[in-house]
């Protein structure tokens, strides 16, 4: 019976560690994704920046490129 108790404790500790590592991993990925989007917003394009492009249709962007 002692063996089953020790085995249960070891399994519980293992699952607790897996859950903690998963939470940490999700937080790290979320931060990296936020930094990536932040860097993308700072990029300047020929049409005036990504923020400007998002508010226009593709045809409007093409017309603007043809004028240049």
N, C-alpha and C. Protein backbone atom coordinates (compact mmCIF):
# COMPACT_ATOMS: atom_id res chain seq x y z
N UNK A 1 0.82 -1.20 0.00
CA UNK A 1 0.00 0.00 0.00
C UNK A 1 0.86 1.26 0.00
N UNK A 2 2.00 1.18 0.64
CA UNK A 2 2.88 2.35 0.67
C UNK A 2 3.38 2.67 -0.73
N UNK A 3 3.62 1.64 -1.52
CA UNK A 3 4.10 1.84 -2.89
C UNK A 3 3.07 2.64 -3.70
N UNK A 4 1.79 2.31 -3.56
CA UNK A 4 0.74 3.02 -4.29
C UNK A 4 0.63 4.47 -3.83
N UNK A 5 0.83 4.72 -2.57
CA UNK A 5 0.78 6.08 -2.03
C UNK A 5 1.93 6.90 -2.60
N UNK A 6 3.12 6.33 -2.58
CA UNK A 6 4.29 7.03 -3.14
C UNK A 6 4.10 7.25 -4.63
N UNK A 7 3.60 6.26 -5.35
CA UNK A 7 3.35 6.38 -6.78
C UNK A 7 2.31 7.48 -7.06
N UNK A 8 1.29 7.55 -6.25
CA UNK A 8 0.27 8.59 -6.41
C UNK A 8 0.83 9.98 -6.16
N UNK A 9 1.66 10.12 -5.16
CA UNK A 9 2.28 11.41 -4.87
C UNK A 9 3.20 11.84 -6.01
N UNK A 10 4.00 10.90 -6.51
CA UNK A 10 4.90 11.20 -7.63
C UNK A 10 4.10 11.62 -8.86
N UNK A 11 3.00 10.92 -9.15
CA UNK A 11 2.17 11.25 -10.31
C UNK A 11 1.53 12.63 -10.13
N UNK A 12 1.06 12.95 -8.93
CA UNK A 12 0.45 14.25 -8.67
C UNK A 12 1.47 15.38 -8.85
N UNK A 13 2.69 15.18 -8.35
CA UNK A 13 3.74 16.18 -8.50
C UNK A 13 4.09 16.35 -9.98
N UNK A 14 4.17 15.24 -10.72
CA UNK A 14 4.46 15.30 -12.14
C UNK A 14 3.41 16.13 -12.89
N UNK A 15 2.13 15.85 -12.65
CA UNK A 15 1.07 16.59 -13.33
C UNK A 15 1.06 18.06 -12.91
N UNK A 16 1.37 18.35 -11.67
CA UNK A 16 1.44 19.74 -11.21
C UNK A 16 2.56 20.49 -11.95
N UNK A 17 3.70 19.86 -12.10
CA UNK A 17 4.82 20.48 -12.82
C UNK A 17 4.46 20.71 -14.28
N UNK A 18 3.80 19.74 -14.91
CA UNK A 18 3.39 19.89 -16.32
C UNK A 18 2.43 21.07 -16.47
N UNK A 19 1.49 21.21 -15.57
CA UNK A 19 0.52 22.31 -15.64
C UNK A 19 1.23 23.65 -15.46
N UNK A 20 2.13 23.74 -14.51
CA UNK A 20 2.86 24.99 -14.27
C UNK A 20 3.71 25.36 -15.49
N UNK A 21 4.40 24.40 -16.06
CA UNK A 21 5.22 24.67 -17.24
C UNK A 21 4.35 25.10 -18.42
N UNK A 22 3.18 24.50 -18.59
CA UNK A 22 2.28 24.89 -19.67
C UNK A 22 1.81 26.33 -19.52
N UNK A 23 1.48 26.74 -18.31
CA UNK A 23 1.04 28.11 -18.07
C UNK A 23 2.17 29.09 -18.38
N UNK A 24 3.37 28.78 -17.95
CA UNK A 24 4.52 29.65 -18.22
C UNK A 24 4.77 29.74 -19.73
N UNK A 25 4.67 28.62 -20.43
CA UNK A 25 4.89 28.61 -21.87
C UNK A 25 3.87 29.47 -22.61
N UNK A 26 2.61 29.40 -22.20
CA UNK A 26 1.57 30.21 -22.84
C UNK A 26 1.84 31.70 -22.63
N UNK A 27 2.26 32.07 -21.44
CA UNK A 27 2.57 33.48 -21.16
C UNK A 27 3.73 33.98 -22.00
N UNK A 28 4.75 33.16 -22.16
CA UNK A 28 5.91 33.55 -22.97
C UNK A 28 5.50 33.72 -24.43
N UNK A 29 4.71 32.79 -24.96
CA UNK A 29 4.27 32.90 -26.35
C UNK A 29 3.40 34.14 -26.56
N UNK A 30 2.56 34.45 -25.58
CA UNK A 30 1.69 35.62 -25.69
C UNK A 30 2.53 36.90 -25.74
N UNK A 31 3.56 36.99 -24.92
CA UNK A 31 4.42 38.17 -24.92
C UNK A 31 5.15 38.32 -26.25
N UNK A 32 5.65 37.21 -26.78
CA UNK A 32 6.36 37.27 -28.06
C UNK A 32 5.43 37.73 -29.17
N UNK A 33 4.19 37.25 -29.15
CA UNK A 33 3.22 37.64 -30.17
C UNK A 33 2.88 39.12 -30.06
N UNK A 34 2.73 39.64 -28.83
CA UNK A 34 2.45 41.06 -28.63
C UNK A 34 3.60 41.91 -29.15
N UNK A 35 4.83 41.50 -28.89
CA UNK A 35 5.99 42.26 -29.36
C UNK A 35 6.04 42.25 -30.88
N UNK A 36 5.69 41.11 -31.49
CA UNK A 36 5.70 41.01 -32.94
C UNK A 36 4.69 41.97 -33.54
N UNK A 37 3.47 42.01 -32.98
CA UNK A 37 2.45 42.92 -33.50
C UNK A 37 2.86 44.37 -33.28
N UNK A 38 3.52 44.66 -32.16
CA UNK A 38 3.97 46.02 -31.90
C UNK A 38 5.00 46.44 -32.94
N UNK A 39 5.91 45.54 -33.27
CA UNK A 39 6.92 45.86 -34.28
C UNK A 39 6.28 46.03 -35.65
N UNK A 40 5.26 45.23 -35.96
CA UNK A 40 4.58 45.34 -37.25
C UNK A 40 3.88 46.69 -37.39
N UNK A 41 3.34 47.21 -36.30
CA UNK A 41 2.65 48.50 -36.36
C UNK A 41 3.61 49.64 -36.65
N UNK A 42 4.88 49.48 -36.29
CA UNK A 42 5.85 50.54 -36.49
C UNK A 42 6.42 50.55 -37.91
N UNK A 43 6.16 49.51 -38.70
CA UNK A 43 6.72 49.41 -40.04
C UNK A 43 6.09 50.46 -40.95
N UNK A 44 6.92 51.14 -41.71
CA UNK A 44 6.42 52.11 -42.67
C UNK A 44 6.45 51.47 -44.06
N UNK A 45 5.40 51.71 -44.82
CA UNK A 45 5.35 51.20 -46.19
C UNK A 45 5.30 52.38 -47.15
N UNK A 46 5.31 52.10 -48.42
CA UNK A 46 5.26 53.17 -49.41
C UNK A 46 3.93 53.91 -49.37
N UNK A 47 2.91 53.27 -48.85
CA UNK A 47 1.58 53.88 -48.85
C UNK A 47 1.28 54.63 -47.55
N UNK A 48 2.25 54.73 -46.66
CA UNK A 48 2.04 55.53 -45.46
C UNK A 48 1.92 54.74 -44.18
N UNK A 49 2.24 53.48 -44.20
CA UNK A 49 2.21 52.69 -42.97
C UNK A 49 1.09 51.68 -42.96
N UNK A 50 1.27 50.64 -42.15
CA UNK A 50 0.29 49.56 -42.10
C UNK A 50 -1.05 50.03 -41.54
N UNK A 51 -1.03 50.95 -40.59
CA UNK A 51 -2.27 51.44 -40.02
C UNK A 51 -3.10 52.14 -41.09
N UNK A 52 -2.43 52.84 -41.99
CA UNK A 52 -3.13 53.53 -43.07
C UNK A 52 -3.69 52.51 -44.07
N UNK A 53 -2.92 51.46 -44.35
CA UNK A 53 -3.35 50.44 -45.30
C UNK A 53 -4.58 49.68 -44.82
N UNK A 54 -4.71 49.48 -43.52
CA UNK A 54 -5.82 48.70 -43.00
C UNK A 54 -7.16 49.38 -43.24
N UNK A 55 -7.15 50.69 -43.38
CA UNK A 55 -8.39 51.43 -43.55
C UNK A 55 -8.77 51.62 -45.01
N UNK A 56 -7.98 51.06 -45.91
CA UNK A 56 -8.27 51.20 -47.34
C UNK A 56 -8.43 49.83 -47.98
N UNK A 57 -9.12 49.81 -49.11
CA UNK A 57 -9.30 48.56 -49.84
C UNK A 57 -8.07 48.32 -50.71
N UNK A 58 -7.96 47.12 -51.22
CA UNK A 58 -6.82 46.77 -52.06
C UNK A 58 -6.78 47.61 -53.33
N UNK A 59 -7.95 47.85 -53.93
CA UNK A 59 -7.99 48.64 -55.16
C UNK A 59 -7.53 50.09 -54.90
N UNK A 60 -7.89 50.64 -53.76
CA UNK A 60 -7.44 52.01 -53.43
C UNK A 60 -5.92 52.05 -53.28
N UNK A 61 -5.35 51.02 -52.67
CA UNK A 61 -3.90 50.97 -52.51
C UNK A 61 -3.22 50.85 -53.87
N UNK A 62 -3.79 50.01 -54.75
CA UNK A 62 -3.21 49.86 -56.09
C UNK A 62 -3.26 51.16 -56.87
N UNK A 63 -4.37 51.89 -56.78
CA UNK A 63 -4.48 53.18 -57.48
C UNK A 63 -3.43 54.15 -56.95
N UNK A 64 -3.21 54.16 -55.65
CA UNK A 64 -2.21 55.02 -55.07
C UNK A 64 -0.82 54.66 -55.52
N UNK A 65 -0.56 53.37 -55.71
CA UNK A 65 0.77 52.94 -56.19
C UNK A 65 0.97 53.32 -57.64
N UNK A 66 -0.07 53.29 -58.45
CA UNK A 66 0.05 53.62 -59.86
C UNK A 66 0.35 55.11 -60.06
N UNK A 67 -0.17 55.95 -59.19
CA UNK A 67 0.05 57.39 -59.30
C UNK A 67 1.49 57.76 -59.04
N UNK A 68 2.20 56.98 -58.24
CA UNK A 68 3.60 57.28 -57.89
C UNK A 68 4.50 56.92 -58.99
